[in-house]
Amino acid sequence: MNDLVEDANKWVNVMKKDKADVIVEGHNHEQIEQHDYKNKSGKKVIVTEPGNNGECISNINFKLEKDDNGWNVVDKSSKITQFEKSKKERIQGVDNYGKLMCELEFLDDKTKEISL
């Protein structure tokens, strides 16, 4: 497990450099589907919070395009999905995360968009 203070300092520094695309909030235990704000450089940053007690998940979507300099986020959105009470649905959410990680592992020059 990483040191929490070290991790916090790392990510605060990243956010100060206006490199964050999304912030997933959790402290207030409220449901915030998508709050948009502009950082100091004028770039849109999404804030989302999925509530509490594992009842919801924030689905964050990025549209990526590749140019000569690499991948760029050209659009982003977030919505909250309420979990069903069944264990089967919760396991499916974990499975979708695994699918995303596999898709990201195999990105290549021909990939234009990923959908799960």
PDB file of N, CA and C in Angstrom:
ATOM      1  N   MET A   1       0.847  -1.183   0.000  1.00  0.00           N
ATOM      2  CA  MET A   1       0.000   0.000   0.000  1.00  0.00           C
ATOM      3  C   MET A   1       0.884   1.235   0.000  1.00  0.00           C
ATOM      4  N   ASN A   2       0.519   2.215  -0.796  1.00  0.00           N
ATOM      5  CA  ASN A   2       1.281   3.451  -0.882  1.00  0.00           C
ATOM      6  C   ASN A   2       1.053   4.328   0.343  1.00  0.00           C
ATOM      7  N   ASP A   3       2.025   5.174   0.633  1.00  0.00           N
ATOM      8  CA  ASP A   3       1.883   6.148   1.706  1.00  0.00           C
ATOM      9  C   ASP A   3       0.861   7.206   1.276  1.00  0.00           C
ATOM     10  N   LEU A   4      -0.175   7.409   2.069  1.00  0.00           N
ATOM     11  CA  LEU A   4      -1.257   8.322   1.706  1.00  0.00           C
ATOM     12  C   LEU A   4      -0.790   9.761   1.547  1.00  0.00           C
ATOM     13  N   VAL A   5       0.104  10.205   2.409  1.00  0.00           N
ATOM     14  CA  VAL A   5       0.600  11.582   2.322  1.00  0.00           C
ATOM     15  C   VAL A   5       1.424  11.774   1.050  1.00  0.00           C
ATOM     16  N   GLU A   6       2.273  10.792   0.730  1.00  0.00           N
ATOM     17  CA  GLU A   6       3.059  10.879  -0.506  1.00  0.00           C
ATOM     18  C   GLU A   6       2.151  10.916  -1.729  1.00  0.00           C
ATOM     19  N   ASP A   7       1.140  10.039  -1.752  1.00  0.00           N
ATOM     20  CA  ASP A   7       0.198  10.029  -2.876  1.00  0.00           C
ATOM     21  C   ASP A   7      -0.558  11.350  -2.986  1.00  0.00           C
ATOM     22  N   ALA A   8      -1.017  11.868  -1.856  1.00  0.00           N
ATOM     23  CA  ALA A   8      -1.746  13.144  -1.874  1.00  0.00           C
ATOM     24  C   ALA A   8      -0.857  14.256  -2.411  1.00  0.00           C
ATOM     25  N   ASN A   9       0.377  14.326  -1.950  1.00  0.00           N
ATOM     26  CA  ASN A   9       1.300  15.369  -2.432  1.00  0.00           C
ATOM     27  C   ASN A   9       1.559  15.231  -3.925  1.00  0.00           C
ATOM     28  N   LYS A  10       1.706  14.007  -4.393  1.00  0.00           N
ATOM     29  CA  LYS A  10       1.938  13.775  -5.820  1.00  0.00           C
ATOM     30  C   LYS A  10       0.782  14.321  -6.642  1.00  0.00           C
ATOM     31  N   TRP A  11      -0.447  13.961  -6.264  1.00  0.00           N
ATOM     32  CA  TRP A  11      -1.601  14.338  -7.080  1.00  0.00           C
ATOM     33  C   TRP A  11      -1.963  15.809  -6.929  1.00  0.00           C
ATOM     34  N   VAL A  12      -1.703  16.401  -5.775  1.00  0.00           N
ATOM     35  CA  VAL A  12      -1.923  17.847  -5.631  1.00  0.00           C
ATOM     36  C   VAL A  12      -0.996  18.585  -6.585  1.00  0.00           C
ATOM     37  N   ASN A  13       0.234  18.144  -6.695  1.00  0.00           N
ATOM     38  CA  ASN A  13       1.175  18.780  -7.626  1.00  0.00           C
ATOM     39  C   ASN A  13       0.726  18.627  -9.071  1.00  0.00           C
ATOM     40  N   VAL A  14       0.205  17.465  -9.431  1.00  0.00           N
ATOM     41  CA  VAL A  14      -0.307  17.259 -10.792  1.00  0.00           C
ATOM     42  C   VAL A  14      -1.471  18.202 -11.059  1.00  0.00           C
ATOM     43  N   MET A  15      -2.384  18.296 -10.106  1.00  0.00           N
ATOM     44  CA  MET A  15      -3.552  19.155 -10.290  1.00  0.00           C
ATOM     45  C   MET A  15      -3.168  20.630 -10.365  1.00  0.00           C
ATOM     46  N   LYS A  16      -2.148  21.035  -9.634  1.00  0.00           N
ATOM     47  CA  LYS A  16      -1.687  22.426  -9.696  1.00  0.00           C
ATOM     48  C   LYS A  16      -1.137  22.755 -11.081  1.00  0.00           C
ATOM     49  N   LYS A  17      -0.670  21.746 -11.791  1.00  0.00           N
ATOM     50  CA  LYS A  17      -0.131  21.964 -13.134  1.00  0.00           C
ATOM     51  C   LYS A  17      -1.217  21.874 -14.199  1.00  0.00           C
ATOM     52  N   ASP A  18      -2.474  21.860 -13.780  1.00  0.00           N
ATOM     53  CA  ASP A  18      -3.620  21.815 -14.691  1.00  0.00           C
ATOM     54  C   ASP A  18      -3.599  20.589 -15.597  1.00  0.00           C
ATOM     55  N   LYS A  19      -3.193  19.440 -15.065  1.00  0.00           N
ATOM     56  CA  LYS A  19      -3.142  18.221 -15.865  1.00  0.00           C
ATOM     57  C   LYS A  19      -4.306  17.280 -15.573  1.00  0.00           C
ATOM     58  N   ALA A  20      -5.153  17.597 -14.604  1.00  0.00           N
ATOM     59  CA  ALA A  20      -6.264  16.713 -14.262  1.00  0.00           C
ATOM     60  C   ALA A  20      -7.417  16.904 -15.243  1.00  0.00           C
ATOM     61  N   ASP A  21      -8.019  15.800 -15.669  1.00  0.00           N
ATOM     62  CA  ASP A  21      -9.206  15.840 -16.522  1.00  0.00           C
ATOM     63  C   ASP A  21     -10.473  15.608 -15.715  1.00  0.00           C
ATOM     64  N   VAL A  22     -10.349  14.881 -14.606  1.00  0.00           N
ATOM     65  CA  VAL A  22     -11.518  14.553 -13.791  1.00  0.00           C
ATOM     66  C   VAL A  22     -11.080  14.398 -12.335  1.00  0.00           C
ATOM     67  N   ILE A  23     -11.979  14.765 -11.448  1.00  0.00           N
ATOM     68  CA  ILE A  23     -11.765  14.563 -10.016  1.00  0.00           C
ATOM     69  C   ILE A  23     -12.944  13.747  -9.506  1.00  0.00           C
ATOM     70  N   VAL A  24     -12.656  12.604  -8.888  1.00  0.00           N
ATOM     71  CA  VAL A  24     -13.704  11.788  -8.287  1.00  0.00           C
ATOM     72  C   VAL A  24     -13.697  12.098  -6.794  1.00  0.00           C
ATOM     73  N   GLU A  25     -14.732  12.770  -6.370  1.00  0.00           N
ATOM     74  CA  GLU A  25     -14.897  13.214  -4.985  1.00  0.00           C
ATOM     75  C   GLU A  25     -15.500  12.082  -4.177  1.00  0.00           C
ATOM     76  N   GLY A  26     -15.309  12.082  -2.894  1.00  0.00           N
ATOM     77  CA  GLY A  26     -15.902  11.043  -2.080  1.00  0.00           C
ATOM     78  C   GLY A  26     -16.178  11.469  -0.660  1.00  0.00           C
ATOM     79  N   HIS A  27     -15.661  12.583  -0.254  1.00  0.00           N
ATOM     80  CA  HIS A  27     -15.722  12.988   1.144  1.00  0.00           C
ATOM     81  C   HIS A  27     -17.134  13.351   1.612  1.00  0.00           C
ATOM     82  N   ASN A  28     -17.926  13.974   0.767  1.00  0.00           N
ATOM     83  CA  ASN A  28     -19.234  14.483   1.181  1.00  0.00           C
ATOM     84  C   ASN A  28     -20.343  13.437   1.154  1.00  0.00           C
ATOM     85  N   HIS A  29     -20.103  12.297   0.530  1.00  0.00           N
ATOM     86  CA  HIS A  29     -21.104  11.222   0.434  1.00  0.00           C
ATOM     87  C   HIS A  29     -22.376  11.696  -0.265  1.00  0.00           C
ATOM     88  N   GLU A  30     -22.226  12.550  -1.256  1.00  0.00           N
ATOM     89  CA  GLU A  30     -23.346  13.042  -2.045  1.00  0.00           C
ATOM     90  C   GLU A  30     -23.234  12.499  -3.462  1.00  0.00           C
ATOM     91  N   GLN A  31     -24.338  12.564  -4.194  1.00  0.00           N
ATOM     92  CA  GLN A  31     -24.301  12.158  -5.589  1.00  0.00           C
ATOM     93  C   GLN A  31     -24.176  13.414  -6.460  1.00  0.00           C
ATOM     94  N   ILE A  32     -23.054  13.513  -7.141  1.00  0.00           N
ATOM     95  CA  ILE A  32     -22.821  14.592  -8.098  1.00  0.00           C
ATOM     96  C   ILE A  32     -22.516  13.922  -9.425  1.00  0.00           C
ATOM     97  N   GLU A  33     -23.468  13.990 -10.355  1.00  0.00           N
ATOM     98  CA  GLU A  33     -23.281  13.313 -11.632  1.00  0.00           C
ATOM     99  C   GLU A  33     -22.130  13.936 -12.417  1.00  0.00           C
ATOM    100  N   GLN A  34     -22.184  15.229 -12.616  1.00  0.00           N
ATOM    101  CA  GLN A  34     -21.104  15.913 -13.325  1.00  0.00           C
ATOM    102  C   GLN A  34     -21.178  17.402 -13.031  1.00  0.00           C
ATOM    103  N   HIS A  35     -20.136  17.907 -12.442  1.00  0.00           N
ATOM    104  CA  HIS A  35     -19.984  19.348 -12.258  1.00  0.00           C
ATOM    105  C   HIS A  35     -18.764  19.751 -13.074  1.00  0.00           C
ATOM    106  N   ASP A  36     -18.953  20.663 -14.008  1.00  0.00           N
ATOM    107  CA  ASP A  36     -17.845  21.121 -14.853  1.00  0.00           C
ATOM    108  C   ASP A  36     -17.299  22.441 -14.317  1.00  0.00           C
ATOM    109  N   TYR A  37     -16.003  22.548 -14.332  1.00  0.00           N
ATOM    110  CA  TYR A  37     -15.395  23.839 -14.065  1.00  0.00           C
ATOM    111  C   TYR A  37     -14.166  23.970 -14.943  1.00  0.00           C
ATOM    112  N   LYS A  38     -13.672  25.167 -15.063  1.00  0.00           N
ATOM    113  CA  LYS A  38     -12.473  25.410 -15.855  1.00  0.00           C
ATOM    114  C   LYS A  38     -11.306  25.651 -14.916  1.00  0.00           C
ATOM    115  N   ASN A  39     -10.186  24.995 -15.226  1.00  0.00           N
ATOM    116  CA  ASN A  39      -8.997  25.211 -14.419  1.00  0.00           C
ATOM    117  C   ASN A  39      -8.338  26.533 -14.821  1.00  0.00           C
ATOM    118  N   LYS A  40      -7.200  26.833 -14.241  1.00  0.00           N
ATOM    119  CA  LYS A  40      -6.532  28.123 -14.498  1.00  0.00           C
ATOM    120  C   LYS A  40      -6.177  28.331 -15.955  1.00  0.00           C
ATOM    121  N   SER A  41      -5.954  27.254 -16.689  1.00  0.00           N
ATOM    122  CA  SER A  41      -5.593  27.392 -18.106  1.00  0.00           C
ATOM    123  C   SER A  41      -6.825  27.357 -19.013  1.00  0.00           C
ATOM    124  N   GLY A  42      -8.034  27.285 -18.431  1.00  0.00           N
ATOM    125  CA  GLY A  42      -9.257  27.302 -19.217  1.00  0.00           C
ATOM    126  C   GLY A  42      -9.742  25.939 -19.679  1.00  0.00           C
ATOM    127  N   LYS A  43      -9.087  24.880 -19.241  1.00  0.00           N
ATOM    128  CA  LYS A  43      -9.448  23.513 -19.629  1.00  0.00           C
ATOM    129  C   LYS A  43     -10.583  22.999 -18.736  1.00  0.00           C
ATOM    130  N   LYS A  44     -11.565  22.312 -19.350  1.00  0.00           N
ATOM    131  CA  LYS A  44     -12.696  21.742 -18.612  1.00  0.00           C
ATOM    132  C   LYS A  44     -12.230  20.574 -17.747  1.00  0.00           C
ATOM    133  N   VAL A  45     -12.622  20.612 -16.481  1.00  0.00           N
ATOM    134  CA  VAL A  45     -12.352  19.531 -15.539  1.00  0.00           C
ATOM    135  C   VAL A  45     -13.694  19.089 -14.965  1.00  0.00           C
ATOM    136  N   ILE A  46     -13.926  17.786 -14.945  1.00  0.00           N
ATOM    137  CA  ILE A  46     -15.160  17.215 -14.405  1.00  0.00           C
ATOM    138  C   ILE A  46     -14.942  16.845 -12.939  1.00  0.00           C
ATOM    139  N   VAL A  47     -15.938  17.172 -12.106  1.00  0.00           N
ATOM    140  CA  VAL A  47     -15.974  16.677 -10.730  1.00  0.00           C
ATOM    141  C   VAL A  47     -17.202  15.793 -10.621  1.00  0.00           C
ATOM    142  N   THR A  48     -17.012  14.591 -10.099  1.00  0.00           N
ATOM    143  CA  THR A  48     -18.122  13.656  -9.922  1.00  0.00           C
ATOM    144  C   THR A  48     -17.984  12.990  -8.561  1.00  0.00           C
ATOM    145  N   GLU A  49     -19.130  12.621  -7.991  1.00  0.00           N
ATOM    146  CA  GLU A  49     -19.125  11.906  -6.714  1.00  0.00           C
ATOM    147  C   GLU A  49     -20.259  10.880  -6.739  1.00  0.00           C
ATOM    148  N   PRO A  50     -19.922   9.608  -6.510  1.00  0.00           N
ATOM    149  CA  PRO A  50     -20.924   8.554  -6.656  1.00  0.00           C
ATOM    150  C   PRO A  50     -21.790   8.289  -5.426  1.00  0.00           C
ATOM    151  N   GLY A  51     -21.791   9.149  -4.440  1.00  0.00           N
ATOM    152  CA  GLY A  51     -22.639   8.929  -3.271  1.00  0.00           C
ATOM    153  C   GLY A  51     -21.898   8.188  -2.180  1.00  0.00           C
ATOM    154  N   ASN A  52     -22.606   7.266  -1.524  1.00  0.00           N
ATOM    155  CA  ASN A  52     -21.984   6.547  -0.409  1.00  0.00           C
ATOM    156  C   ASN A  52     -22.446   5.095  -0.353  1.00  0.00           C
ATOM    157  N   ASN A  53     -21.779   4.328   0.455  1.00  0.00           N
ATOM    158  CA  ASN A  53     -22.105   2.921   0.720  1.00  0.00           C
ATOM    159  C   ASN A  53     -22.105   2.045  -0.525  1.00  0.00           C
ATOM    160  N   GLY A  54     -21.385   2.416  -1.561  1.00  0.00           N
ATOM    161  CA  GLY A  54     -21.290   1.603  -2.762  1.00  0.00           C
ATOM    162  C   GLY A  54     -22.588   1.479  -3.531  1.00  0.00           C
ATOM    163  N   GLU A  55     -23.515   2.417  -3.330  1.00  0.00           N
ATOM    164  CA  GLU A  55     -24.816   2.349  -4.002  1.00  0.00           C
ATOM    165  C   GLU A  55     -24.744   2.746  -5.472  1.00  0.00           C
ATOM    166  N   CYS A  56     -23.754   3.556  -5.815  1.00  0.00           N
ATOM    167  CA  CYS A  56     -23.631   4.070  -7.185  1.00  0.00           C
ATOM    168  C   CYS A  56     -22.180   4.015  -7.628  1.00  0.00           C
ATOM    169  N   ILE A  57     -21.999   4.216  -8.915  1.00  0.00           N
ATOM    170  CA  ILE A  57     -20.661   4.360  -9.484  1.00  0.00           C
ATOM    171  C   ILE A  57     -20.699   5.527 -10.457  1.00  0.00           C
ATOM    172  N   SER A  58     -19.613   6.279 -10.504  1.00  0.00           N
ATOM    173  CA  SER A  58     -19.492   7.340 -11.501  1.00  0.00           C
ATOM    174  C   SER A  58     -18.894   6.741 -12.761  1.00  0.00           C
ATOM    175  N   ASN A  59     -19.666   6.739 -13.846  1.00  0.00           N
ATOM    176  CA  ASN A  59     -19.163   6.284 -15.143  1.00  0.00           C
ATOM    177  C   ASN A  59     -18.557   7.489 -15.840  1.00  0.00           C
ATOM    178  N   ILE A  60     -17.259   7.456 -16.022  1.00  0.00           N
ATOM    179  CA  ILE A  60     -16.548   8.569 -16.639  1.00  0.00           C
ATOM    180  C   ILE A  60     -16.133   8.141 -18.035  1.00  0.00           C
ATOM    181  N   ASN A  61     -16.496   8.938 -19.016  1.00  0.00           N
ATOM    182  CA  ASN A  61     -16.213   8.617 -20.408  1.00  0.00           C
ATOM    183  C   ASN A  61     -15.266   9.649 -21.007  1.00  0.00           C
ATOM    184  N   PHE A  62     -14.232   9.157 -21.648  1.00  0.00           N
ATOM    185  CA  PHE A  62     -13.293  10.018 -22.357  1.00  0.00           C
ATOM    186  C   PHE A  62     -13.322   9.670 -23.833  1.00  0.00           C
ATOM    187  N   LYS A  63     -13.373  10.666 -24.684  1.00  0.00           N
ATOM    188  CA  LYS A  63     -13.190  10.451 -26.118  1.00  0.00           C
ATOM    189  C   LYS A  63     -11.759  10.889 -26.417  1.00  0.00           C
ATOM    190  N   LEU A  64     -10.988   9.964 -26.961  1.00  0.00           N
ATOM    191  CA  LEU A  64      -9.572  10.204 -27.241  1.00  0.00           C
ATOM    192  C   LEU A  64      -9.323  10.261 -28.739  1.00  0.00           C
ATOM    193  N   GLU A  65      -8.428  11.120 -29.127  1.00  0.00           N
ATOM    194  CA  GLU A  65      -7.937  11.149 -30.507  1.00  0.00           C
ATOM    195  C   GLU A  65      -6.428  11.191 -30.467  1.00  0.00           C
ATOM    196  N   LYS A  66      -5.840  10.533 -31.439  1.00  0.00           N
ATOM    197  CA  LYS A  66      -4.384  10.475 -31.503  1.00  0.00           C
ATOM    198  C   LYS A  66      -3.886  11.372 -32.626  1.00  0.00           C
ATOM    199  N   ASP A  67      -2.845  12.125 -32.316  1.00  0.00           N
ATOM    200  CA  ASP A  67      -2.174  12.906 -33.348  1.00  0.00           C
ATOM    201  C   ASP A  67      -0.673  12.597 -33.265  1.00  0.00           C
ATOM    202  N   ASP A  68       0.130  13.388 -33.938  1.00  0.00           N
ATOM    203  CA  ASP A  68       1.576  13.130 -33.962  1.00  0.00           C
ATOM    204  C   ASP A  68       2.222  13.223 -32.582  1.00  0.00           C
ATOM    205  N   ASN A  69       1.584  13.942 -31.659  1.00  0.00           N
ATOM    206  CA  ASN A  69       2.150  14.125 -30.317  1.00  0.00           C
ATOM    207  C   ASN A  69       1.627  13.115 -29.303  1.00  0.00           C
ATOM    208  N   GLY A  70       0.706  12.234 -29.708  1.00  0.00           N
ATOM    209  CA  GLY A  70       0.165  11.229 -28.796  1.00  0.00           C
ATOM    210  C   GLY A  70      -1.337  11.358 -28.654  1.00  0.00           C
ATOM    211  N   TRP A  71      -1.860  10.787 -27.581  1.00  0.00           N
ATOM    212  CA  TRP A  71      -3.301  10.761 -27.332  1.00  0.00           C
ATOM    213  C   TRP A  71      -3.752  12.037 -26.645  1.00  0.00           C
ATOM    214  N   ASN A  72      -4.928  12.531 -27.063  1.00  0.00           N
ATOM    215  CA  ASN A  72      -5.508  13.731 -26.471  1.00  0.00           C
ATOM    216  C   ASN A  72      -6.955  13.463 -26.100  1.00  0.00           C
ATOM    217  N   VAL A  73      -7.377  14.003 -24.963  1.00  0.00           N
ATOM    218  CA  VAL A  73      -8.772  13.934 -24.557  1.00  0.00           C
ATOM    219  C   VAL A  73      -9.498  15.062 -25.275  1.00  0.00           C
ATOM    220  N   VAL A  74     -10.454  14.700 -26.141  1.00  0.00           N
ATOM    221  CA  VAL A  74     -11.178  15.714 -26.914  1.00  0.00           C
ATOM    222  C   VAL A  74     -12.587  15.943 -26.370  1.00  0.00           C
ATOM    223  N   ASP A  75     -13.073  15.027 -25.560  1.00  0.00           N
ATOM    224  CA  ASP A  75     -14.370  15.211 -24.920  1.00  0.00           C
ATOM    225  C   ASP A  75     -14.419  14.299 -23.708  1.00  0.00           C
ATOM    226  N   LYS A  76     -15.221  14.682 -22.720  1.00  0.00           N
ATOM    227  CA  LYS A  76     -15.364  13.867 -21.515  1.00  0.00           C
ATOM    228  C   LYS A  76     -16.725  14.131 -20.900  1.00  0.00           C
ATOM    229  N   SER A  77     -17.242  13.110 -20.232  1.00  0.00           N
ATOM    230  CA  SER A  77     -18.529  13.235 -19.565  1.00  0.00           C
ATOM    231  C   SER A  77     -18.589  12.235 -18.420  1.00  0.00           C
ATOM    232  N   SER A  78     -19.552  12.447 -17.547  1.00  0.00           N
ATOM    233  CA  SER A  78     -19.733  11.551 -16.417  1.00  0.00           C
ATOM    234  C   SER A  78     -21.217  11.408 -16.130  1.00  0.00           C
ATOM    235  N   LYS A  79     -21.599  10.218 -15.701  1.00  0.00           N
ATOM    236  CA  LYS A  79     -22.964  10.002 -15.226  1.00  0.00           C
ATOM    237  C   LYS A  79     -22.889   9.028 -14.064  1.00  0.00           C
ATOM    238  N   ILE A  80     -23.908   9.063 -13.237  1.00  0.00           N
ATOM    239  CA  ILE A  80     -23.967   8.164 -12.087  1.00  0.00           C
ATOM    240  C   ILE A  80     -24.901   7.011 -12.415  1.00  0.00           C
ATOM    241  N   THR A  81     -24.441   5.814 -12.128  1.00  0.00           N
ATOM    242  CA  THR A  81     -25.262   4.623 -12.308  1.00  0.00           C
ATOM    243  C   THR A  81     -25.541   4.018 -10.946  1.00  0.00           C
ATOM    244  N   GLN A  82     -26.811   3.822 -10.671  1.00  0.00           N
ATOM    245  CA  GLN A  82     -27.240   3.198  -9.414  1.00  0.00           C
ATOM    246  C   GLN A  82     -27.030   1.697  -9.521  1.00  0.00           C
ATOM    247  N   PHE A  83     -26.391   1.104  -8.525  1.00  0.00           N
ATOM    248  CA  PHE A  83     -26.224  -0.342  -8.498  1.00  0.00           C
ATOM    249  C   PHE A  83     -27.524  -1.010  -8.071  1.00  0.00           C
ATOM    250  N   GLU A  84     -27.773  -2.139  -8.677  1.00  0.00           N
ATOM    251  CA  GLU A  84     -28.864  -2.977  -8.196  1.00  0.00           C
ATOM    252  C   GLU A  84     -28.394  -3.621  -6.895  1.00  0.00           C
ATOM    253  N   LYS A  85     -29.288  -4.134  -6.146  1.00  0.00           N
ATOM    254  CA  LYS A  85     -28.930  -4.747  -4.869  1.00  0.00           C
ATOM    255  C   LYS A  85     -28.263  -6.109  -5.045  1.00  0.00           C
ATOM    256  N   SER A  86     -28.360  -6.690  -6.241  1.00  0.00           N
ATOM    257  CA  SER A  86     -27.836  -8.040  -6.429  1.00  0.00           C
ATOM    258  C   SER A  86     -26.313  -8.047  -6.530  1.00  0.00           C
ATOM    259  N   LYS A  87     -25.742  -9.079  -6.017  1.00  0.00           N
ATOM    260  CA  LYS A  87     -24.294  -9.279  -6.082  1.00  0.00           C
ATOM    261  C   LYS A  87     -23.838  -9.438  -7.533  1.00  0.00           C
ATOM    262  N   LYS A  88     -24.694 -10.037  -8.361  1.00  0.00           N
ATOM    263  CA  LYS A  88     -24.358 -10.269  -9.765  1.00  0.00           C
ATOM    264  C   LYS A  88     -24.040  -8.946 -10.463  1.00  0.00           C
ATOM    265  N   GLU A  89     -24.840  -7.929 -10.240  1.00  0.00           N
ATOM    266  CA  GLU A  89     -24.610  -6.623 -10.865  1.00  0.00           C
ATOM    267  C   GLU A  89     -23.316  -5.986 -10.365  1.00  0.00           C
ATOM    268  N   ARG A  90     -23.021  -6.152  -9.086  1.00  0.00           N
ATOM    269  CA  ARG A  90     -21.772  -5.586  -8.545  1.00  0.00           C
ATOM    270  C   ARG A  90     -20.556  -6.269  -9.159  1.00  0.00           C
ATOM    271  N   ILE A  91     -20.630  -7.572  -9.345  1.00  0.00           N
ATOM    272  CA  ILE A  91     -19.531  -8.315  -9.970  1.00  0.00           C
ATOM    273  C   ILE A  91     -19.357  -7.855 -11.418  1.00  0.00           C
ATOM    274  N   GLN A  92     -20.464  -7.597 -12.129  1.00  0.00           N
ATOM    275  CA  GLN A  92     -20.377  -7.129 -13.512  1.00  0.00           C
ATOM    276  C   GLN A  92     -19.626  -5.807 -13.589  1.00  0.00           C
ATOM    277  N   GLY A  93     -19.836  -4.921 -12.621  1.00  0.00           N
ATOM    278  CA  GLY A  93     -19.103  -3.660 -12.585  1.00  0.00           C
ATOM    279  C   GLY A  93     -17.601  -3.884 -12.484  1.00  0.00           C
ATOM    280  N   VAL A  94     -17.196  -4.842 -11.673  1.00  0.00           N
ATOM    281  CA  VAL A  94     -15.777  -5.184 -11.550  1.00  0.00           C
ATOM    282  C   VAL A  94     -15.280  -5.762 -12.867  1.00  0.00           C
ATOM    283  N   ASP A  95     -16.103  -6.611 -13.500  1.00  0.00           N
ATOM    284  CA  ASP A  95     -15.723  -7.189 -14.781  1.00  0.00           C
ATOM    285  C   ASP A  95     -15.506  -6.103 -15.834  1.00  0.00           C
ATOM    286  N   ASN A  96     -16.358  -5.075 -15.841  1.00  0.00           N
ATOM    287  CA  ASN A  96     -16.201  -3.977 -16.799  1.00  0.00           C
ATOM    288  C   ASN A  96     -14.885  -3.243 -16.578  1.00  0.00           C
ATOM    289  N   TYR A  97     -14.476  -3.099 -15.332  1.00  0.00           N
ATOM    290  CA  TYR A  97     -13.189  -2.470 -15.042  1.00  0.00           C
ATOM    291  C   TYR A  97     -12.061  -3.314 -15.637  1.00  0.00           C
ATOM    292  N   GLY A  98     -12.161  -4.630 -15.492  1.00  0.00           N
ATOM    293  CA  GLY A  98     -11.157  -5.524 -16.066  1.00  0.00           C
ATOM    294  C   GLY A  98     -11.111  -5.411 -17.579  1.00  0.00           C
ATOM    295  N   LYS A  99     -12.295  -5.293 -18.209  1.00  0.00           N
ATOM    296  CA  LYS A  99     -12.347  -5.127 -19.661  1.00  0.00           C
ATOM    297  C   LYS A  99     -11.661  -3.833 -20.075  1.00  0.00           C
ATOM    298  N   LEU A 100     -11.913  -2.758 -19.330  1.00  0.00           N
ATOM    299  CA  LEU A 100     -11.280  -1.472 -19.634  1.00  0.00           C
ATOM    300  C   LEU A 100      -9.764  -1.592 -19.545  1.00  0.00           C
ATOM    301  N   MET A 101      -9.264  -2.222 -18.499  1.00  0.00           N
ATOM    302  CA  MET A 101      -7.819  -2.364 -18.338  1.00  0.00           C
ATOM    303  C   MET A 101      -7.222  -3.164 -19.494  1.00  0.00           C
ATOM    304  N   CYS A 102      -7.925  -4.198 -19.937  1.00  0.00           N
ATOM    305  CA  CYS A 102      -7.452  -4.988 -21.084  1.00  0.00           C
ATOM    306  C   CYS A 102      -7.440  -4.145 -22.355  1.00  0.00           C
ATOM    307  N   GLU A 103      -8.496  -3.365 -22.575  1.00  0.00           N
ATOM    308  CA  GLU A 103      -8.562  -2.508 -23.765  1.00  0.00           C
ATOM    309  C   GLU A 103      -7.421  -1.492 -23.756  1.00  0.00           C
ATOM    310  N   LEU A 104      -7.156  -0.889 -22.613  1.00  0.00           N
ATOM    311  CA  LEU A 104      -6.085   0.108 -22.521  1.00  0.00           C
ATOM    312  C   LEU A 104      -4.719  -0.522 -22.768  1.00  0.00           C
ATOM    313  N   GLU A 105      -4.564  -1.763 -22.364  1.00  0.00           N
ATOM    314  CA  GLU A 105      -3.303  -2.477 -22.541  1.00  0.00           C
ATOM    315  C   GLU A 105      -2.943  -2.633 -24.015  1.00  0.00           C
ATOM    316  N   PHE A 106      -3.965  -2.775 -24.859  1.00  0.00           N
ATOM    317  CA  PHE A 106      -3.727  -3.089 -26.255  1.00  0.00           C
ATOM    318  C   PHE A 106      -4.050  -1.932 -27.201  1.00  0.00           C
ATOM    319  N   LEU A 107      -4.000  -0.692 -26.714  1.00  0.00           N
ATOM    320  CA  LEU A 107      -4.179   0.454 -27.600  1.00  0.00           C
ATOM    321  C   LEU A 107      -3.076   0.468 -28.648  1.00  0.00           C
ATOM    322  N   ASP A 108      -3.433   0.770 -29.860  1.00  0.00           N
ATOM    323  CA  ASP A 108      -2.432   0.892 -30.908  1.00  0.00           C
ATOM    324  C   ASP A 108      -2.744   2.096 -31.773  1.00  0.00           C
ATOM    325  N   ASP A 109      -1.955   2.310 -32.807  1.00  0.00           N
ATOM    326  CA  ASP A 109      -2.105   3.478 -33.676  1.00  0.00           C
ATOM    327  C   ASP A 109      -3.435   3.520 -34.411  1.00  0.00           C
ATOM    328  N   LYS A 110      -4.077   2.375 -34.587  1.00  0.00           N
ATOM    329  CA  LYS A 110      -5.330   2.306 -35.342  1.00  0.00           C
ATOM    330  C   LYS A 110      -6.553   2.557 -34.466  1.00  0.00           C
ATOM    331  N   THR A 111      -6.392   2.503 -33.147  1.00  0.00           N
ATOM    332  CA  THR A 111      -7.511   2.681 -32.223  1.00  0.00           C
ATOM    333  C   THR A 111      -7.982   4.119 -32.229  1.00  0.00           C
ATOM    334  N   LYS A 112      -9.267   4.318 -32.454  1.00  0.00           N
ATOM    335  CA  LYS A 112      -9.844   5.665 -32.462  1.00  0.00           C
ATOM    336  C   LYS A 112     -10.750   5.894 -31.266  1.00  0.00           C
ATOM    337  N   GLU A 113     -11.419   4.829 -30.801  1.00  0.00           N
ATOM    338  CA  GLU A 113     -12.369   4.965 -29.707  1.00  0.00           C
ATOM    339  C   GLU A 113     -12.557   3.620 -29.032  1.00  0.00           C
ATOM    340  N   ILE A 114     -12.773   3.641 -27.723  1.00  0.00           N
ATOM    341  CA  ILE A 114     -13.013   2.420 -26.961  1.00  0.00           C
ATOM    342  C   ILE A 114     -14.407   2.508 -26.368  1.00  0.00           C
ATOM    343  N   SER A 115     -15.197   1.473 -26.537  1.00  0.00           N
ATOM    344  CA  SER A 115     -16.515   1.411 -25.922  1.00  0.00           C
ATOM    345  C   SER A 115     -16.646   0.106 -25.168  1.00  0.00           C
ATOM    346  N   LEU A 116     -17.195   0.191 -23.977  1.00  0.00           N
ATOM    347  CA  LEU A 116     -17.435  -1.010 -23.173  1.00  0.00           C
ATOM    348  C   LEU A 116     -18.903  -1.141 -22.904  1.00  0.00           C
TER     349      LEU A 116
END
